[in-house]
């Protein structure tokens, strides 16, 4: 069987028939992700999930692109091989970055000891904002919550607090998520009140949407 006959490749072909951001493309790419995930390189490092997320973002952004040199070429490798190669490159990048951060931290600790100014160390790298990676699934959830076509999300709120409803909480808890502590301070409510409402009222509606779209 050639790569062109691979069922994964056929899903990619079907996905690429549809425009970026469309639900048909997202559904087919999600199917590919589910099938490829068990076959990808695994390792137990603190940065593995970050590298994996970069890989899926890369996949969704480049698998259908033409003329960029990044587009998947079934004549050269399988989809799994293509993504494993990218994943291991990202893991190597994270390893190198970790080594640099550890060296910088060690240097900062020495400097702090000499200056006699103990305190929290600030890594300059932390001051550089990371580019947002928005997977297609998150885009779909955000669009669904913002539209709230039936009005159900806005209508479902904490008693006496219509401003604290499922639409608001779902959007605020999407990556990069707002912490429960920050939300509690903003709305003047206890963290357990917010989190319990979210789990009991918002999560079931979120899951129902995911099931209807084939994400879960």
Protein backbone atom coordinates (compact mmCIF):
# COMPACT_ATOMS: atom_id res chain seq x y z
CA UNK A 1 0.00 0.00 0.00
CA UNK A 2 1.39 3.42 -0.96
CA UNK A 3 1.14 6.49 1.24
CA UNK A 4 -1.53 7.77 -1.15
CA UNK A 5 -3.69 4.79 -0.17
CA UNK A 6 -3.18 5.40 3.55
CA UNK A 7 -6.56 6.07 5.28
CA UNK A 8 -4.89 8.87 7.25
CA UNK A 9 -3.84 10.55 4.04
CA UNK A 10 -7.34 10.20 2.65
CA UNK A 11 -8.68 12.00 5.73
CA UNK A 12 -6.15 14.78 5.11
CA UNK A 13 -7.23 15.02 1.45
CA UNK A 14 -10.85 15.31 2.54
CA UNK A 15 -9.99 17.93 5.18
CA UNK A 16 -8.05 20.05 2.69
CA UNK A 17 -11.06 20.26 0.38
CA UNK A 18 -12.61 22.63 2.89
CA UNK A 19 -11.48 26.17 3.84
CA UNK A 20 -9.36 26.85 6.95
CA UNK A 21 -11.43 27.14 10.13
CA UNK A 22 -14.44 25.32 8.66
CA UNK A 23 -16.00 22.54 10.73
CA UNK A 24 -15.57 19.86 8.02
CA UNK A 25 -11.83 20.53 7.91
CA UNK A 26 -11.57 20.55 11.72
CA UNK A 27 -13.52 17.31 12.06
CA UNK A 28 -11.30 15.43 9.60
CA UNK A 29 -8.08 16.79 11.10
CA UNK A 30 -9.34 15.83 14.55
CA UNK A 31 -9.86 12.26 13.30
CA UNK A 32 -6.26 12.21 12.04
CA UNK A 33 -4.99 13.47 15.40
CA UNK A 34 -6.89 10.73 17.24
CA UNK A 35 -5.48 8.01 14.97
CA UNK A 36 -1.89 9.30 14.93
CA UNK A 37 -1.58 10.14 18.66
CA UNK A 38 -0.88 6.56 19.87
CA UNK A 39 1.88 6.21 17.27
CA UNK A 40 3.86 9.32 18.15
CA UNK A 41 7.18 9.39 19.99
CA UNK A 42 6.74 9.40 23.77
CA UNK A 43 9.06 10.50 26.51
CA UNK A 44 8.65 11.60 30.12
CA UNK A 45 10.01 15.13 30.16
CA UNK A 46 8.38 18.23 31.68
CA UNK A 47 8.22 19.91 28.29
CA UNK A 48 6.80 16.97 26.30
CA UNK A 49 3.22 18.28 26.31
CA UNK A 50 4.38 21.69 25.10
CA UNK A 51 6.29 20.10 22.23
CA UNK A 52 3.29 17.90 21.41
CA UNK A 53 0.98 20.91 21.32
CA UNK A 54 3.42 22.68 18.98
CA UNK A 55 3.34 19.60 16.76
CA UNK A 56 -0.44 19.55 16.48
CA UNK A 57 -0.53 23.28 15.78
CA UNK A 58 2.12 22.81 13.09
CA UNK A 59 0.11 19.93 11.63
CA UNK A 60 -3.15 21.89 11.45
CA UNK A 61 -1.49 24.99 10.01
CA UNK A 62 0.71 23.31 7.40
CA UNK A 63 -0.78 20.01 6.27
CA UNK A 64 -2.94 21.71 3.63
CA UNK A 65 -0.62 24.58 2.67
CA UNK A 66 0.83 24.72 -0.82
CA UNK A 67 4.11 26.13 -2.03
CA UNK A 68 5.58 26.79 1.42
CA UNK A 69 7.90 23.80 1.65
CA UNK A 70 6.08 22.79 4.85
CA UNK A 71 3.17 20.93 3.25
CA UNK A 72 3.00 17.24 3.94
CA UNK A 73 4.35 15.18 1.04
CA UNK A 74 2.95 11.61 1.01
CA UNK A 75 5.59 10.60 -1.54
CA UNK A 76 8.35 11.19 1.03
CA UNK A 77 6.95 9.76 4.28
CA UNK A 78 3.89 8.71 6.21
CA UNK A 79 2.03 11.29 8.26
CA UNK A 80 3.27 9.63 11.45
CA UNK A 81 6.91 9.82 10.32
CA UNK A 82 6.47 13.44 9.25
CA UNK A 83 5.02 14.46 12.63
CA UNK A 84 7.48 12.40 14.66
CA UNK A 85 10.36 14.16 12.94
CA UNK A 86 8.88 17.56 13.81
CA UNK A 87 8.03 16.50 17.38
CA UNK A 88 11.58 15.32 18.10
CA UNK A 89 13.00 18.57 16.73
CA UNK A 90 10.76 20.54 19.09
CA UNK A 91 11.78 18.32 22.01
CA UNK A 92 15.41 19.03 21.19
CA UNK A 93 14.64 22.77 21.14
CA UNK A 94 13.00 22.55 24.55
CA UNK A 95 15.93 20.58 25.95
CA UNK A 96 18.39 23.22 24.74
CA UNK A 97 16.19 26.01 26.14
CA UNK A 98 15.98 24.20 29.49
CA UNK A 99 19.76 23.93 29.66
CA UNK A 100 20.11 27.66 28.93
CA UNK A 101 17.54 28.54 31.59
CA UNK A 102 19.27 26.40 34.18
CA UNK A 103 22.61 28.03 33.37
CA UNK A 104 21.01 31.49 33.59
CA UNK A 105 19.34 30.64 36.90
CA UNK A 106 22.60 29.38 38.34
CA UNK A 107 24.28 32.59 37.25
CA UNK A 108 21.49 34.67 38.78
CA UNK A 109 21.78 32.82 42.08
CA UNK A 110 25.50 33.53 42.25
CA UNK A 111 24.90 37.20 41.43
CA UNK A 112 22.16 37.43 44.07
CA UNK A 113 24.40 35.91 46.74
CA UNK A 114 27.15 38.43 46.02
CA UNK A 115 24.82 41.40 46.03
CA UNK A 116 23.08 40.34 49.22
CA UNK A 117 19.68 40.80 47.65
CA UNK A 118 17.70 37.59 48.15
CA UNK A 119 14.37 37.33 46.43
CA UNK A 120 12.52 35.80 43.56
CA UNK A 121 14.69 35.24 40.52
CA UNK A 122 13.44 36.69 37.26
CA UNK A 123 14.44 34.94 34.08
CA UNK A 124 14.53 37.46 31.19
CA UNK A 125 13.15 34.75 28.92
CA UNK A 126 9.92 34.86 30.94
CA UNK A 127 9.41 38.48 29.90
CA UNK A 128 9.13 37.53 26.22
CA UNK A 129 5.50 36.72 25.37
CA UNK A 130 5.02 33.42 23.59
CA UNK A 131 3.02 33.48 20.35
CA UNK A 132 -0.47 32.17 20.94
CA UNK A 133 -1.13 28.70 19.53
CA UNK A 134 -4.84 28.25 18.97
CA UNK A 135 -5.75 24.68 17.93
CA UNK A 136 -8.80 24.36 15.65
CA UNK A 137 -10.85 22.74 18.42
CA UNK A 138 -10.37 25.77 20.67
CA UNK A 139 -11.34 28.07 17.81
CA UNK A 140 -14.55 26.11 17.34
CA UNK A 141 -15.39 26.18 21.07
CA UNK A 142 -14.71 29.90 21.26
CA UNK A 143 -16.91 30.61 18.23
CA UNK A 144 -19.71 28.46 19.67
CA UNK A 145 -19.59 30.12 23.09
CA UNK A 146 -19.41 33.64 21.69
CA UNK A 147 -22.35 33.05 19.34
CA UNK A 148 -24.52 31.35 22.00
CA UNK A 149 -27.12 30.82 19.30
CA UNK A 150 -29.82 29.56 21.68
CA UNK A 151 -29.04 32.00 24.48
CA UNK A 152 -28.67 29.08 26.88
CA UNK A 153 -25.13 29.91 27.97
CA UNK A 154 -25.97 33.48 28.97
CA UNK A 155 -29.21 32.40 30.62
CA UNK A 156 -27.41 29.85 32.80
CA UNK A 157 -25.84 31.87 35.59
CA UNK A 158 -25.08 31.85 39.30
CA UNK A 159 -28.17 32.86 41.26
CA UNK A 160 -28.18 36.60 41.81
CA UNK A 161 -25.22 37.08 39.48
CA UNK A 162 -26.38 37.16 35.84
CA UNK A 163 -22.98 38.51 34.82
CA UNK A 164 -21.39 35.23 35.94
CA UNK A 165 -22.85 32.88 33.37
CA UNK A 166 -21.66 29.87 31.36
CA UNK A 167 -20.72 31.96 28.35
CA UNK A 168 -18.43 34.17 30.40
CA UNK A 169 -16.83 31.34 32.36
CA UNK A 170 -16.27 29.05 29.36
CA UNK A 171 -14.59 31.84 27.42
CA UNK A 172 -12.49 32.95 30.39
CA UNK A 173 -11.35 29.39 31.12
CA UNK A 174 -10.20 28.70 27.56
CA UNK A 175 -6.38 28.80 27.14
CA UNK A 176 -4.73 31.04 28.14
CA UNK A 177 -7.14 30.53 31.01
CA UNK A 178 -7.94 33.06 33.72
CA UNK A 179 -7.25 31.58 37.16
CA UNK A 180 -10.11 30.86 39.56
CA UNK A 181 -8.45 33.19 42.04
CA UNK A 182 -8.54 36.08 39.56
CA UNK A 183 -12.16 35.35 38.66
CA UNK A 184 -13.15 35.15 42.32
CA UNK A 185 -11.62 38.56 42.98
CA UNK A 186 -13.21 40.05 39.86
CA UNK A 187 -16.74 38.86 40.61
CA UNK A 188 -16.56 38.96 44.40
CA UNK A 189 -17.42 35.29 44.76
CA UNK A 190 -15.71 32.35 46.46
CA UNK A 191 -13.57 30.07 44.33
CA UNK A 192 -15.64 26.94 45.28
CA UNK A 193 -18.81 28.75 44.21
CA UNK A 194 -17.38 29.50 40.78
CA UNK A 195 -15.69 26.16 40.18
CA UNK A 196 -18.70 24.13 41.37
CA UNK A 197 -21.06 26.08 39.12
CA UNK A 198 -18.65 25.63 36.21
CA UNK A 199 -18.41 21.86 36.73
CA UNK A 200 -22.15 21.34 37.23
CA UNK A 201 -23.58 23.74 34.66
CA UNK A 202 -20.95 24.74 32.11
CA UNK A 203 -18.93 21.56 31.59
CA UNK A 204 -21.98 19.42 30.63
CA UNK A 205 -22.98 21.98 27.99
CA UNK A 206 -19.41 22.18 26.76
CA UNK A 207 -19.24 18.39 26.53
CA UNK A 208 -22.57 18.24 24.69
CA UNK A 209 -21.23 20.66 22.08
CA UNK A 210 -18.04 18.61 21.72
CA UNK A 211 -20.05 15.43 21.19
CA UNK A 212 -22.29 17.07 18.60
CA UNK A 213 -19.25 18.18 16.62
CA UNK A 214 -17.41 14.86 16.92
CA UNK A 215 -14.61 16.19 19.14
CA UNK A 216 -15.33 13.87 22.09
